[in-house]
Amino acid sequence: MFYQAGLKYLVPKGILYPVVGAFRALVEVDPGTGIYRWKKDPFMVWNDLGERIAGIVWDEKEENPEYIGKSKNVWSNLFKEVLLYTLV
């Protein structure tokens, strides 16, 4: 998912940024070392939540990806979805 490889499809930045940004809910600071780390494996989270995340974006009913990328509602809903997953 987030590795250095070409994309198979062109994904507009307005869709890509909020989706990738949602995964910031998985980052925490190790209190002992002060180093950032993943709470859960982001690949596992994507495998479990990918369809749900795509559904949230799809349900926005906006044809212009630029507006999706600027929607506070989309950013918030995607972040909350990943955050709730970390609590399970």
N, C-alpha and C. Protein backbone atom coordinates (compact mmCIF):
# COMPACT_ATOMS: atom_id res chain seq x y z
N MET A 1 0.82 -1.18 0.00
CA MET A 1 0.00 0.00 0.00
C MET A 1 0.87 1.25 0.00
N PHE A 2 1.64 1.53 1.04
CA PHE A 2 2.41 2.77 1.14
C PHE A 2 3.88 2.55 0.79
N TYR A 3 4.17 1.79 -0.20
CA TYR A 3 5.57 1.55 -0.51
C TYR A 3 5.93 2.18 -1.84
N GLN A 4 7.22 2.22 -2.13
CA GLN A 4 7.75 2.90 -3.30
C GLN A 4 7.51 2.07 -4.56
N ALA A 5 6.32 2.15 -5.09
CA ALA A 5 5.99 1.44 -6.32
C ALA A 5 5.00 2.29 -7.10
N GLY A 6 4.98 2.09 -8.38
CA GLY A 6 4.04 2.82 -9.21
C GLY A 6 2.61 2.42 -8.91
N LEU A 7 1.70 3.36 -9.09
CA LEU A 7 0.29 3.06 -8.89
C LEU A 7 -0.28 2.42 -10.14
N LYS A 8 -1.15 1.48 -9.93
CA LYS A 8 -1.80 0.81 -11.05
C LYS A 8 -2.86 1.72 -11.67
N TYR A 9 -3.45 2.57 -10.84
CA TYR A 9 -4.50 3.48 -11.29
C TYR A 9 -4.15 4.89 -10.84
N LEU A 10 -4.63 5.86 -11.56
CA LEU A 10 -4.44 7.25 -11.16
C LEU A 10 -5.46 7.59 -10.08
N VAL A 11 -4.97 7.94 -8.91
CA VAL A 11 -5.85 8.31 -7.80
C VAL A 11 -5.67 9.81 -7.57
N PRO A 12 -6.73 10.58 -7.70
CA PRO A 12 -6.60 12.03 -7.49
C PRO A 12 -6.13 12.34 -6.07
N LYS A 13 -5.31 13.37 -5.94
CA LYS A 13 -4.78 13.77 -4.64
C LYS A 13 -5.90 14.10 -3.65
N GLY A 14 -6.99 14.64 -4.15
CA GLY A 14 -8.12 14.99 -3.29
C GLY A 14 -8.73 13.78 -2.61
N ILE A 15 -8.53 12.61 -3.17
CA ILE A 15 -9.00 11.38 -2.54
C ILE A 15 -7.87 10.73 -1.75
N LEU A 16 -6.69 10.74 -2.31
CA LEU A 16 -5.55 10.06 -1.69
C LEU A 16 -5.15 10.67 -0.35
N TYR A 17 -5.08 11.99 -0.27
CA TYR A 17 -4.60 12.64 0.95
C TYR A 17 -5.46 12.34 2.18
N PRO A 18 -6.78 12.47 2.11
CA PRO A 18 -7.55 12.16 3.32
C PRO A 18 -7.49 10.68 3.71
N VAL A 19 -7.37 9.80 2.71
CA VAL A 19 -7.28 8.36 3.01
C VAL A 19 -5.96 8.07 3.72
N VAL A 20 -4.87 8.54 3.16
CA VAL A 20 -3.56 8.32 3.80
C VAL A 20 -3.50 9.06 5.14
N GLY A 21 -4.06 10.26 5.19
CA GLY A 21 -4.06 11.04 6.43
C GLY A 21 -4.79 10.37 7.57
N ALA A 22 -5.77 9.54 7.25
CA ALA A 22 -6.52 8.84 8.30
C ALA A 22 -5.61 7.90 9.09
N PHE A 23 -4.55 7.44 8.46
CA PHE A 23 -3.66 6.49 9.11
C PHE A 23 -2.76 7.14 10.16
N ARG A 24 -2.84 8.46 10.29
CA ARG A 24 -2.10 9.11 11.37
C ARG A 24 -2.66 8.69 12.73
N ALA A 25 -3.87 8.16 12.73
CA ALA A 25 -4.46 7.64 13.97
C ALA A 25 -3.69 6.42 14.48
N LEU A 26 -2.88 5.83 13.62
CA LEU A 26 -2.11 4.64 14.01
C LEU A 26 -0.74 4.98 14.59
N VAL A 27 -0.38 6.24 14.59
CA VAL A 27 0.96 6.64 15.04
C VAL A 27 0.92 7.04 16.51
N GLU A 28 1.92 6.57 17.24
CA GLU A 28 2.07 6.95 18.64
C GLU A 28 3.54 7.17 18.94
N VAL A 29 3.81 7.84 20.04
CA VAL A 29 5.18 8.09 20.47
C VAL A 29 5.50 7.11 21.59
N ASP A 30 6.59 6.39 21.43
CA ASP A 30 7.05 5.48 22.48
C ASP A 30 7.50 6.33 23.66
N PRO A 31 6.86 6.17 24.83
CA PRO A 31 7.21 7.03 25.97
C PRO A 31 8.65 6.84 26.46
N GLY A 32 9.21 5.68 26.25
CA GLY A 32 10.57 5.41 26.71
C GLY A 32 11.64 6.00 25.82
N THR A 33 11.41 5.95 24.51
CA THR A 33 12.44 6.40 23.57
C THR A 33 12.11 7.71 22.87
N GLY A 34 10.83 8.08 22.86
CA GLY A 34 10.41 9.28 22.15
C GLY A 34 10.34 9.08 20.64
N ILE A 35 10.45 7.83 20.21
CA ILE A 35 10.42 7.51 18.78
C ILE A 35 8.99 7.17 18.36
N TYR A 36 8.62 7.66 17.19
CA TYR A 36 7.29 7.36 16.66
C TYR A 36 7.24 5.91 16.19
N ARG A 37 6.07 5.30 16.38
CA ARG A 37 5.88 3.91 15.96
C ARG A 37 4.42 3.70 15.60
N TRP A 38 4.16 2.59 14.94
CA TRP A 38 2.78 2.22 14.58
C TRP A 38 2.13 1.51 15.76
N LYS A 39 0.90 1.88 16.08
CA LYS A 39 0.12 1.15 17.09
C LYS A 39 -0.26 -0.21 16.56
N LYS A 40 -0.65 -0.24 15.30
CA LYS A 40 -1.02 -1.48 14.61
C LYS A 40 -0.42 -1.42 13.22
N ASP A 41 -0.23 -2.57 12.63
CA ASP A 41 0.32 -2.67 11.28
C ASP A 41 -0.62 -1.99 10.28
N PRO A 42 -0.16 -0.93 9.59
CA PRO A 42 -1.05 -0.22 8.67
C PRO A 42 -1.54 -1.09 7.51
N PHE A 43 -0.76 -2.08 7.11
CA PHE A 43 -1.20 -2.97 6.03
C PHE A 43 -2.36 -3.84 6.50
N MET A 44 -2.29 -4.31 7.73
CA MET A 44 -3.38 -5.11 8.29
C MET A 44 -4.64 -4.24 8.42
N VAL A 45 -4.46 -3.01 8.88
CA VAL A 45 -5.60 -2.10 9.03
C VAL A 45 -6.23 -1.83 7.67
N TRP A 46 -5.39 -1.59 6.65
CA TRP A 46 -5.92 -1.35 5.31
C TRP A 46 -6.70 -2.57 4.82
N ASN A 47 -6.15 -3.76 5.04
CA ASN A 47 -6.84 -4.98 4.61
C ASN A 47 -8.20 -5.12 5.29
N ASP A 48 -8.28 -4.73 6.55
CA ASP A 48 -9.53 -4.85 7.30
C ASP A 48 -10.50 -3.71 7.01
N LEU A 49 -9.99 -2.50 6.80
CA LEU A 49 -10.86 -1.32 6.67
C LEU A 49 -10.94 -0.73 5.28
N GLY A 50 -10.16 -1.22 4.35
CA GLY A 50 -10.09 -0.61 3.02
C GLY A 50 -11.44 -0.40 2.36
N GLU A 51 -12.29 -1.41 2.41
CA GLU A 51 -13.62 -1.28 1.80
C GLU A 51 -14.45 -0.23 2.52
N ARG A 52 -14.37 -0.21 3.83
CA ARG A 52 -15.13 0.78 4.61
C ARG A 52 -14.63 2.19 4.32
N ILE A 53 -13.32 2.35 4.24
CA ILE A 53 -12.74 3.66 3.94
C ILE A 53 -13.17 4.13 2.55
N ALA A 54 -13.11 3.23 1.58
CA ALA A 54 -13.56 3.57 0.22
C ALA A 54 -15.04 3.95 0.23
N GLY A 55 -15.82 3.26 1.03
CA GLY A 55 -17.25 3.55 1.13
C GLY A 55 -17.52 4.94 1.69
N ILE A 56 -16.72 5.35 2.65
CA ILE A 56 -16.89 6.69 3.23
C ILE A 56 -16.63 7.75 2.16
N VAL A 57 -15.57 7.55 1.39
CA VAL A 57 -15.26 8.50 0.31
C VAL A 57 -16.36 8.46 -0.75
N TRP A 58 -16.78 7.27 -1.12
CA TRP A 58 -17.81 7.11 -2.15
C TRP A 58 -19.13 7.76 -1.73
N ASP A 59 -19.48 7.63 -0.45
CA ASP A 59 -20.74 8.17 0.06
C ASP A 59 -20.76 9.70 0.07
N GLU A 60 -19.62 10.31 -0.13
CA GLU A 60 -19.56 11.77 -0.11
C GLU A 60 -20.35 12.38 -1.28
N LYS A 61 -20.57 11.62 -2.33
CA LYS A 61 -21.40 12.05 -3.47
C LYS A 61 -20.89 13.34 -4.11
N GLU A 62 -19.61 13.52 -4.11
CA GLU A 62 -19.00 14.70 -4.72
C GLU A 62 -18.23 14.24 -5.94
N GLU A 63 -18.47 14.87 -7.07
CA GLU A 63 -17.81 14.46 -8.31
C GLU A 63 -16.40 15.04 -8.45
N ASN A 64 -16.12 16.13 -7.77
CA ASN A 64 -14.82 16.76 -7.89
C ASN A 64 -13.93 16.31 -6.73
N PRO A 65 -12.87 15.54 -7.02
CA PRO A 65 -11.99 15.05 -5.94
C PRO A 65 -11.36 16.17 -5.12
N GLU A 66 -11.18 17.33 -5.74
CA GLU A 66 -10.59 18.45 -5.01
C GLU A 66 -11.47 18.85 -3.82
N TYR A 67 -12.78 18.80 -4.01
CA TYR A 67 -13.70 19.14 -2.93
C TYR A 67 -13.70 18.06 -1.85
N ILE A 68 -13.53 16.82 -2.26
CA ILE A 68 -13.44 15.73 -1.27
C ILE A 68 -12.22 15.95 -0.39
N GLY A 69 -11.10 16.30 -1.01
CA GLY A 69 -9.87 16.52 -0.26
C GLY A 69 -9.93 17.69 0.69
N LYS A 70 -10.84 18.62 0.44
CA LYS A 70 -10.98 19.80 1.30
C LYS A 70 -12.12 19.66 2.31
N SER A 71 -12.82 18.55 2.25
CA SER A 71 -13.97 18.35 3.13
C SER A 71 -13.53 17.95 4.54
N LYS A 72 -13.83 18.79 5.50
CA LYS A 72 -13.51 18.47 6.90
C LYS A 72 -14.26 17.22 7.33
N ASN A 73 -15.46 17.05 6.80
CA ASN A 73 -16.27 15.88 7.14
C ASN A 73 -15.59 14.58 6.71
N VAL A 74 -15.06 14.56 5.50
CA VAL A 74 -14.37 13.35 5.00
C VAL A 74 -13.14 13.07 5.84
N TRP A 75 -12.31 14.09 6.06
CA TRP A 75 -11.10 13.90 6.87
C TRP A 75 -11.46 13.36 8.25
N SER A 76 -12.46 13.95 8.87
CA SER A 76 -12.87 13.56 10.21
C SER A 76 -13.41 12.13 10.25
N ASN A 77 -14.28 11.80 9.31
CA ASN A 77 -14.87 10.46 9.29
C ASN A 77 -13.84 9.37 9.03
N LEU A 78 -12.91 9.63 8.13
CA LEU A 78 -11.87 8.64 7.85
C LEU A 78 -10.96 8.45 9.05
N PHE A 79 -10.57 9.57 9.67
CA PHE A 79 -9.71 9.49 10.86
C PHE A 79 -10.40 8.71 11.97
N LYS A 80 -11.67 9.02 12.21
CA LYS A 80 -12.42 8.35 13.28
C LYS A 80 -12.55 6.85 13.01
N GLU A 81 -12.73 6.48 11.76
CA GLU A 81 -12.84 5.07 11.41
C GLU A 81 -11.57 4.31 11.78
N VAL A 82 -10.42 4.88 11.43
CA VAL A 82 -9.14 4.23 11.76
C VAL A 82 -8.89 4.29 13.26
N LEU A 83 -9.20 5.40 13.89
CA LEU A 83 -9.01 5.53 15.34
C LEU A 83 -9.84 4.50 16.10
N LEU A 84 -11.09 4.34 15.73
CA LEU A 84 -11.94 3.35 16.39
C LEU A 84 -11.39 1.94 16.22
N TYR A 85 -10.81 1.68 15.07
CA TYR A 85 -10.21 0.37 14.82
C TYR A 85 -9.06 0.11 15.80
N THR A 86 -8.30 1.16 16.13
CA THR A 86 -7.17 0.97 17.05
C THR A 86 -7.63 0.66 18.47
N LEU A 87 -8.85 1.01 18.79
CA LEU A 87 -9.36 0.80 20.14
C LEU A 87 -9.91 -0.61 20.35
N VAL A 88 -10.05 -1.34 19.26
CA VAL A 88 -10.61 -2.70 19.34
C VAL A 88 -9.52 -3.69 19.66
